[in-house]
Amino acid sequence: MEGVTKFFCVVLLVFGYLSRSSNGLRCYTCSVDFRAEKFSINNTCLFPKDHDDLAHCSSNSKFCKAIITRVGGVFVMIQRSCSADCTEACTEKGYGIRIQDCTICCKKEEDCGTTALMKKK
């Protein structure tokens, strides 16, 4: 009986450690730049569909983050990642041709940024 008790104590300790080391956040992590490749509405980074492509984020990640880039108001790139910190904002740069990067932060939406893609800026 003592051996069984020790076994269960070890199992509980290991389980407790594993549950603390992962916050369970899963995000799509990918990027696609349509300046470098042909645009495809079926691109899996553009509109993720398969939950098998979700990445397990590190324990310090609190957000799924997407950075959407537009050049002259036209969508050209999306980057998706896990992030420890995130601030939603749009920044603009460029002289003559405006380049805008908008950061979107999500706590639960794995496909973070997909809704923002539909909005014209």
Protein backbone atom coordinates (compact mmCIF):
# COMPACT_ATOMS: atom_id res chain seq x y z
CA MET A 1 0.00 0.00 0.00
CA GLU A 2 2.86 2.37 0.79
CA GLY A 3 4.26 1.92 -2.75
CA VAL A 4 0.92 2.87 -4.28
CA THR A 5 0.74 6.01 -2.13
CA LYS A 6 4.25 7.06 -3.19
CA PHE A 7 3.37 6.43 -6.84
CA PHE A 8 0.27 8.64 -6.65
CA CYS A 9 2.23 11.38 -4.87
CA VAL A 10 4.81 11.38 -7.67
CA VAL A 11 2.07 11.45 -10.32
CA LEU A 12 0.37 14.40 -8.59
CA LEU A 13 3.67 16.30 -8.32
CA VAL A 14 4.46 15.78 -12.00
CA PHE A 15 0.94 16.74 -13.04
CA GLY A 16 1.06 19.86 -10.86
CA TYR A 17 4.37 20.92 -12.42
CA LEU A 18 3.14 20.36 -15.95
CA SER A 19 -0.08 22.27 -15.38
CA ARG A 20 1.87 25.26 -13.98
CA SER A 21 4.40 25.25 -16.82
CA SER A 22 1.75 25.70 -19.49
CA ASN A 23 -1.06 28.23 -19.49
CA GLY A 24 -2.91 26.34 -22.21
CA LEU A 25 -2.79 29.25 -24.67
CA ARG A 26 -2.68 28.07 -28.26
CA CYS A 27 -2.23 30.38 -31.22
CA TYR A 28 -1.59 30.12 -34.91
CA THR A 29 2.03 31.04 -35.56
CA CYS A 30 2.75 31.85 -39.18
CA SER A 31 3.37 34.68 -41.58
CA VAL A 32 2.62 35.32 -45.21
CA ASP A 33 3.83 38.22 -47.33
CA PHE A 34 1.88 38.61 -50.56
CA ARG A 35 4.53 40.94 -51.93
CA ALA A 36 6.78 37.86 -52.12
CA GLU A 37 4.25 35.21 -53.10
CA LYS A 38 1.07 35.04 -55.15
CA PHE A 39 -2.09 35.91 -53.23
CA SER A 40 -4.32 32.96 -52.37
CA ILE A 41 -7.57 33.23 -50.45
CA ASN A 42 -6.94 29.62 -49.34
CA ASN A 43 -3.63 30.45 -47.65
CA THR A 44 -3.75 28.77 -44.23
CA CYS A 45 -2.09 31.71 -42.50
CA LEU A 46 -4.64 34.11 -43.94
CA PHE A 47 -7.67 32.11 -42.80
CA PRO A 48 -6.57 29.29 -40.45
CA LYS A 49 -8.86 26.28 -40.44
CA ASP A 50 -7.01 23.32 -38.99
CA HIS A 51 -6.57 23.13 -35.23
CA ASP A 52 -3.62 20.80 -35.82
CA ASP A 53 -1.68 23.91 -36.93
CA LEU A 54 -2.08 25.60 -33.54
CA ALA A 55 1.12 26.12 -31.56
CA HIS A 56 1.29 25.61 -27.80
CA CYS A 57 2.52 28.92 -26.42
CA SER A 58 5.11 29.19 -23.67
CA SER A 59 3.96 29.71 -20.09
CA ASN A 60 4.85 33.42 -20.21
CA SER A 61 2.70 34.05 -23.31
CA LYS A 62 -0.55 35.77 -22.49
CA PHE A 63 -1.74 36.77 -25.96
CA CYS A 64 -2.16 35.62 -29.51
CA LYS A 65 -0.83 38.50 -31.59
CA ALA A 66 -1.32 39.44 -35.22
CA ILE A 67 0.45 42.18 -37.13
CA ILE A 68 -1.34 43.21 -40.31
CA THR A 69 0.60 45.25 -42.86
CA ARG A 70 -1.02 47.42 -45.50
CA VAL A 71 0.82 49.36 -48.20
CA GLY A 72 -1.13 52.29 -49.61
CA GLY A 73 -4.20 50.91 -47.80
CA VAL A 74 -3.90 47.47 -49.48
CA PHE A 75 -3.39 44.38 -47.31
CA VAL A 76 -0.04 42.71 -48.09
CA MET A 77 1.09 40.73 -45.03
CA ILE A 78 -0.01 39.06 -41.80
CA GLN A 79 2.22 37.71 -39.03
CA ARG A 80 0.71 35.60 -36.23
CA SER A 81 2.49 34.63 -33.01
CA CYS A 82 2.30 33.98 -29.27
CA SER A 83 3.29 36.98 -27.17
CA ALA A 84 4.04 37.73 -23.52
CA ASP A 85 2.88 41.32 -23.94
CA CYS A 86 0.86 43.06 -26.59
CA THR A 87 -0.39 46.57 -27.24
CA GLU A 88 -3.02 47.19 -29.88
CA ALA A 89 -1.95 50.03 -32.12
CA CYS A 90 -1.39 51.05 -35.71
CA THR A 91 1.82 52.73 -36.79
CA GLU A 92 2.51 54.38 -40.11
CA LYS A 93 5.77 54.94 -41.91
CA GLY A 94 6.91 55.73 -45.39
CA TYR A 95 7.37 58.77 -47.53
CA GLY A 96 4.98 58.98 -50.45
CA ILE A 97 3.68 55.42 -50.07
CA ARG A 98 2.11 54.86 -46.68
CA ILE A 99 3.02 51.60 -44.90
CA GLN A 100 0.78 50.77 -41.96
CA ASP A 101 1.37 48.02 -39.36
CA CYS A 102 -1.56 47.26 -37.07
CA THR A 103 -1.09 45.02 -34.04
CA ILE A 104 -4.10 43.04 -32.81
CA CYS A 105 -4.05 41.27 -29.42
CA CYS A 106 -6.32 38.37 -28.49
CA LYS A 107 -6.62 36.28 -25.34
CA LYS A 108 -8.90 33.55 -26.63
CA GLU A 109 -9.24 33.89 -30.41
CA GLU A 110 -6.63 31.56 -31.88
CA ASP A 111 -7.10 33.05 -35.35
CA CYS A 112 -6.36 36.50 -33.96
CA GLY A 113 -6.53 39.18 -36.63
CA THR A 114 -8.88 37.44 -39.06
CA THR A 115 -11.76 39.80 -38.27
CA ALA A 116 -9.47 42.81 -38.65
CA LEU A 117 -8.53 41.63 -42.14
CA MET A 118 -12.13 42.17 -43.22
CA LYS A 119 -12.09 45.83 -42.18
CA LYS A 120 -10.78 48.37 -44.63
CA LYS A 121 -8.46 50.89 -43.01
